[in-house]
Structures are given as structure tokens and as C-alpha cells.
Amino acid sequence: MPEFSEVFPGWDVPIEENNAKIEISEPVLPAVPADNTMEEIKPLSIGTGLDDWIVLLSERVYLKSASSTTNATPFAAFTLDPYKMGTQIRAYATSLSASETCNIGFSDYSSGESLAVAVNLVEYEALELYVGVGKPTVGVRASTYSNPGWSTIKVDGAYRITNIR
């Protein structure tokens, strides 16, 4: 197998910056203690305030191996209404069956331009994006540098706008 520099002389291997990832603090399931007794799982409280995160999508997605030349195909797209969905979105894996980590990206669905990407995310580690008020159509994509396999990806929205008169 030829090296990257042999195929593309004078080019550097692309490196994606991973500075937009955050840790999700909820929901967190309790760890199983050494004696295998389980703690009671408390129900999640769902907020209705304008700054509360609301679930836009929770979907099983097959994570293919990441490509060094093209972005993964979006598995979902949203025309984001700032009044109903919010001005900020986040995406994260709630389960990874075969993969140790996943890569998540947002793109402008019309042009295909990448808006944000985070690589090697573990469960409940999120990519967050401010989308503003222009009602953009945003595609959500996912892949892995680990073992390909099924994952559940969740997309949330927050910071909804109210009508001001």
C-alpha cells in the first residue's frame, strides 16, 4: 500500500480540529457497583423553558468507516425553526455497539459545506453548533475511526426565540 505522500506529493494529510465538543451531563445512568446491586434510576425531568434542550431526533445509525477524502452522507436534515427548535443544536451518541468512538458533523444541507465536526467522541460527548435565526437546513452526519457498527445518535435543540411585540 503506498504512503499518502507517494500518492499526493507535496500535500499534508488533512487534520480536523476537534474544538467544538462538549460533555453532556444528562442523562447519566448509574454505574453498576462491584456487588452488582443497582441503584434506583430516577426519571428524567423534561423542561419547557426556552433555554431547555428538546429532543429533535433519536435514531439508530450505522457508523461506517470515516473517509479521509469525503464527508459521510447525512442521515438526517432539519430546517431549523428558531421559534420551535432553537438557535443552537447538539448531536451525540447515546449508545455505541461496535465502535469505541464516533465522529459527528453538521453541514449546510443545500451546499454540502461542513459547518462543524468533532472526532473520536465517546457516548454522551456532543458536538454543539449555534445556527442562528435564518432557518438554515442542517444535515447531521456520523462515522467512526473505530470499528463500524450501529449507534443511537440523538439531536437536541435549545435557546428558542419568543415573539417580541
Protein backbone atom coordinates (compact mmCIF):
# COMPACT_ATOMS: atom_id res chain seq x y z
CA MET A 1 0.00 0.00 0.00
CA PRO A 2 1.53 3.36 -0.97
CA GLU A 3 2.01 6.11 1.60
CA PHE A 4 -0.15 9.27 1.39
CA SER A 5 2.90 11.34 0.41
CA GLU A 6 3.61 8.99 -2.53
CA VAL A 7 0.09 9.36 -3.92
CA PHE A 8 -0.16 13.10 -3.22
CA PRO A 9 3.36 14.54 -3.28
CA GLY A 10 3.68 17.88 -1.52
CA TRP A 11 0.32 17.54 0.29
CA ASP A 12 -0.21 17.07 4.02
CA VAL A 13 -2.67 14.58 5.48
CA PRO A 14 -5.83 16.56 6.40
CA ILE A 15 -6.33 17.03 10.12
CA GLU A 16 -9.70 18.04 11.51
CA GLU A 17 -9.74 20.25 14.58
CA ASN A 18 -11.88 18.97 17.42
CA ASN A 19 -12.51 22.10 19.45
CA ALA A 20 -16.32 22.16 19.46
CA LYS A 21 -17.07 19.08 21.55
CA ILE A 22 -18.66 19.26 24.97
CA GLU A 23 -19.63 16.79 27.67
CA ILE A 24 -23.33 16.07 28.16
CA SER A 25 -24.19 16.00 31.83
CA GLU A 26 -27.52 14.24 31.39
CA PRO A 27 -28.80 11.60 31.16
CA VAL A 28 -26.27 9.55 33.07
CA LEU A 29 -27.14 6.02 34.09
CA PRO A 30 -25.71 4.84 37.39
CA ALA A 31 -22.66 2.59 37.30
CA VAL A 32 -23.10 -0.99 38.44
CA PRO A 33 -21.38 -1.38 41.83
CA ALA A 34 -18.97 -4.24 42.39
CA ASP A 35 -21.62 -6.17 44.35
CA ASN A 36 -24.00 -5.99 41.29
CA THR A 37 -26.76 -4.17 43.17
CA MET A 38 -28.41 -1.43 41.17
CA GLU A 39 -29.43 2.00 42.36
CA GLU A 40 -32.89 3.25 41.53
CA ILE A 41 -32.96 5.15 38.22
CA LYS A 42 -34.75 8.46 38.67
CA PRO A 43 -36.96 9.66 35.81
CA LEU A 44 -35.58 12.49 33.69
CA SER A 45 -37.26 15.82 34.11
CA ILE A 46 -38.13 17.48 30.82
CA GLY A 47 -38.00 21.24 30.91
CA THR A 48 -40.24 23.50 28.92
CA GLY A 49 -38.29 26.75 29.25
CA LEU A 50 -36.89 28.47 26.19
CA ASP A 51 -33.32 27.57 27.20
CA ASP A 52 -34.06 23.88 27.89
CA TRP A 53 -32.83 21.25 25.43
CA ILE A 54 -35.60 19.50 23.48
CA VAL A 55 -35.12 16.26 21.55
CA LEU A 56 -35.34 16.77 17.79
CA LEU A 57 -34.29 13.23 16.81
CA SER A 58 -33.11 9.97 18.32
CA GLU A 59 -32.22 7.45 15.62
CA ARG A 60 -30.28 4.22 15.10
CA VAL A 61 -27.45 4.92 12.65
CA TYR A 62 -24.91 2.54 11.14
CA LEU A 63 -21.47 4.13 11.57
CA LYS A 64 -19.32 3.48 8.51
CA SER A 65 -15.55 3.90 8.49
CA ALA A 66 -14.55 7.54 8.12
CA SER A 67 -13.09 8.65 4.80
CA SER A 68 -10.09 10.94 4.54
CA THR A 69 -11.42 12.47 1.31
CA THR A 70 -15.21 12.91 1.68
CA ASN A 71 -17.72 13.63 4.42
CA ALA A 72 -20.20 10.96 5.44
CA THR A 73 -23.67 11.23 3.93
CA PRO A 74 -26.11 13.00 6.29
CA PHE A 75 -28.54 10.60 7.99
CA ALA A 76 -30.95 13.43 8.86
CA ALA A 77 -31.62 17.03 7.87
CA PHE A 78 -33.52 19.79 9.67
CA THR A 79 -34.76 23.17 8.54
CA LEU A 80 -34.21 24.76 11.91
CA ASP A 81 -37.01 27.00 13.07
CA PRO A 82 -35.58 29.24 15.83
CA TYR A 83 -39.05 29.61 17.39
CA LYS A 84 -39.76 25.87 17.69
CA MET A 85 -36.38 24.12 17.63
CA GLY A 86 -33.99 26.78 18.89
CA THR A 87 -30.93 28.65 17.72
CA GLN A 88 -28.46 26.02 18.91
CA ILE A 89 -28.28 22.28 18.25
CA ARG A 90 -26.15 19.45 19.58
CA ALA A 91 -25.67 15.86 18.48
CA TYR A 92 -24.22 12.93 20.40
CA ALA A 93 -24.26 9.14 20.61
CA THR A 94 -26.31 7.60 23.39
CA SER A 95 -25.04 4.13 22.50
CA LEU A 96 -22.13 2.71 20.52
CA SER A 97 -22.48 -1.03 19.86
CA ALA A 98 -19.29 -1.96 17.99
CA SER A 99 -17.44 1.34 17.86
CA GLU A 100 -15.45 2.79 20.73
CA THR A 101 -15.91 6.33 19.41
CA CYS A 102 -17.80 8.19 16.70
CA ASN A 103 -17.34 11.29 14.55
CA ILE A 104 -20.27 13.69 14.21
CA GLY A 105 -20.59 16.59 11.81
CA PHE A 106 -23.06 19.26 10.77
CA SER A 107 -23.25 20.57 7.22
CA ASP A 108 -25.25 23.06 5.19
CA TYR A 109 -27.63 20.61 3.52
CA SER A 110 -28.04 22.76 0.40
CA SER A 111 -24.36 23.33 -0.39
CA GLY A 112 -22.77 20.38 1.45
CA GLU A 113 -20.36 22.78 3.18
CA SER A 114 -19.18 21.47 6.53
CA LEU A 115 -20.29 23.70 9.44
CA ALA A 116 -18.71 21.78 12.33
CA VAL A 117 -17.12 18.42 13.07
CA ALA A 118 -15.91 16.58 16.15
CA VAL A 119 -13.97 13.30 16.01
CA ASN A 120 -13.43 10.43 18.42
CA LEU A 121 -16.43 11.28 20.60
CA VAL A 122 -17.44 8.77 23.28
CA GLU A 123 -21.03 8.19 24.44
CA TYR A 124 -22.73 11.41 25.62
CA GLU A 125 -19.93 13.62 24.35
CA ALA A 126 -21.53 16.15 21.99
CA LEU A 127 -20.88 18.43 19.07
CA GLU A 128 -22.73 21.71 19.56
CA LEU A 129 -23.48 24.35 16.92
CA TYR A 130 -25.03 27.81 17.04
CA VAL A 131 -27.27 28.03 13.96
CA GLY A 132 -28.85 31.45 14.44
CA VAL A 133 -32.23 32.66 13.23
CA GLY A 134 -32.01 32.32 9.44
CA LYS A 135 -33.80 28.91 9.30
CA PRO A 136 -30.87 27.03 7.76
CA THR A 137 -31.26 23.42 6.63
CA VAL A 138 -28.61 21.49 8.53
CA GLY A 139 -27.53 17.94 7.73
CA VAL A 140 -26.26 15.66 10.51
CA ARG A 141 -23.66 13.03 9.65
CA ALA A 142 -21.74 10.39 11.59
CA SER A 143 -18.88 7.94 11.03
CA THR A 144 -16.15 6.23 13.02
CA TYR A 145 -12.39 5.75 13.06
CA SER A 146 -13.07 2.73 15.27
CA ASN A 147 -15.00 -0.44 14.34
CA PRO A 148 -18.03 0.15 12.07
CA GLY A 149 -21.33 -0.70 13.75
CA TRP A 150 -24.68 0.52 15.00
CA SER A 151 -25.13 3.57 17.19
CA THR A 152 -28.01 5.64 18.51
CA ILE A 153 -27.50 9.33 17.72
CA LYS A 154 -29.55 11.99 19.43
CA VAL A 155 -30.01 15.59 18.21
CA ASP A 156 -31.32 18.29 20.58
CA GLY A 157 -32.22 21.95 20.12
CA ALA A 158 -32.27 24.83 22.62
CA TYR A 159 -32.50 28.58 23.06
CA ARG A 160 -35.82 29.11 21.33
CA ILE A 161 -36.94 32.63 20.49
CA THR A 162 -40.25 34.12 21.59
CA ASN A 163 -42.26 36.62 19.62
CA ILE A 164 -41.45 40.07 20.97
CA ARG A 165 -44.03 42.76 20.41
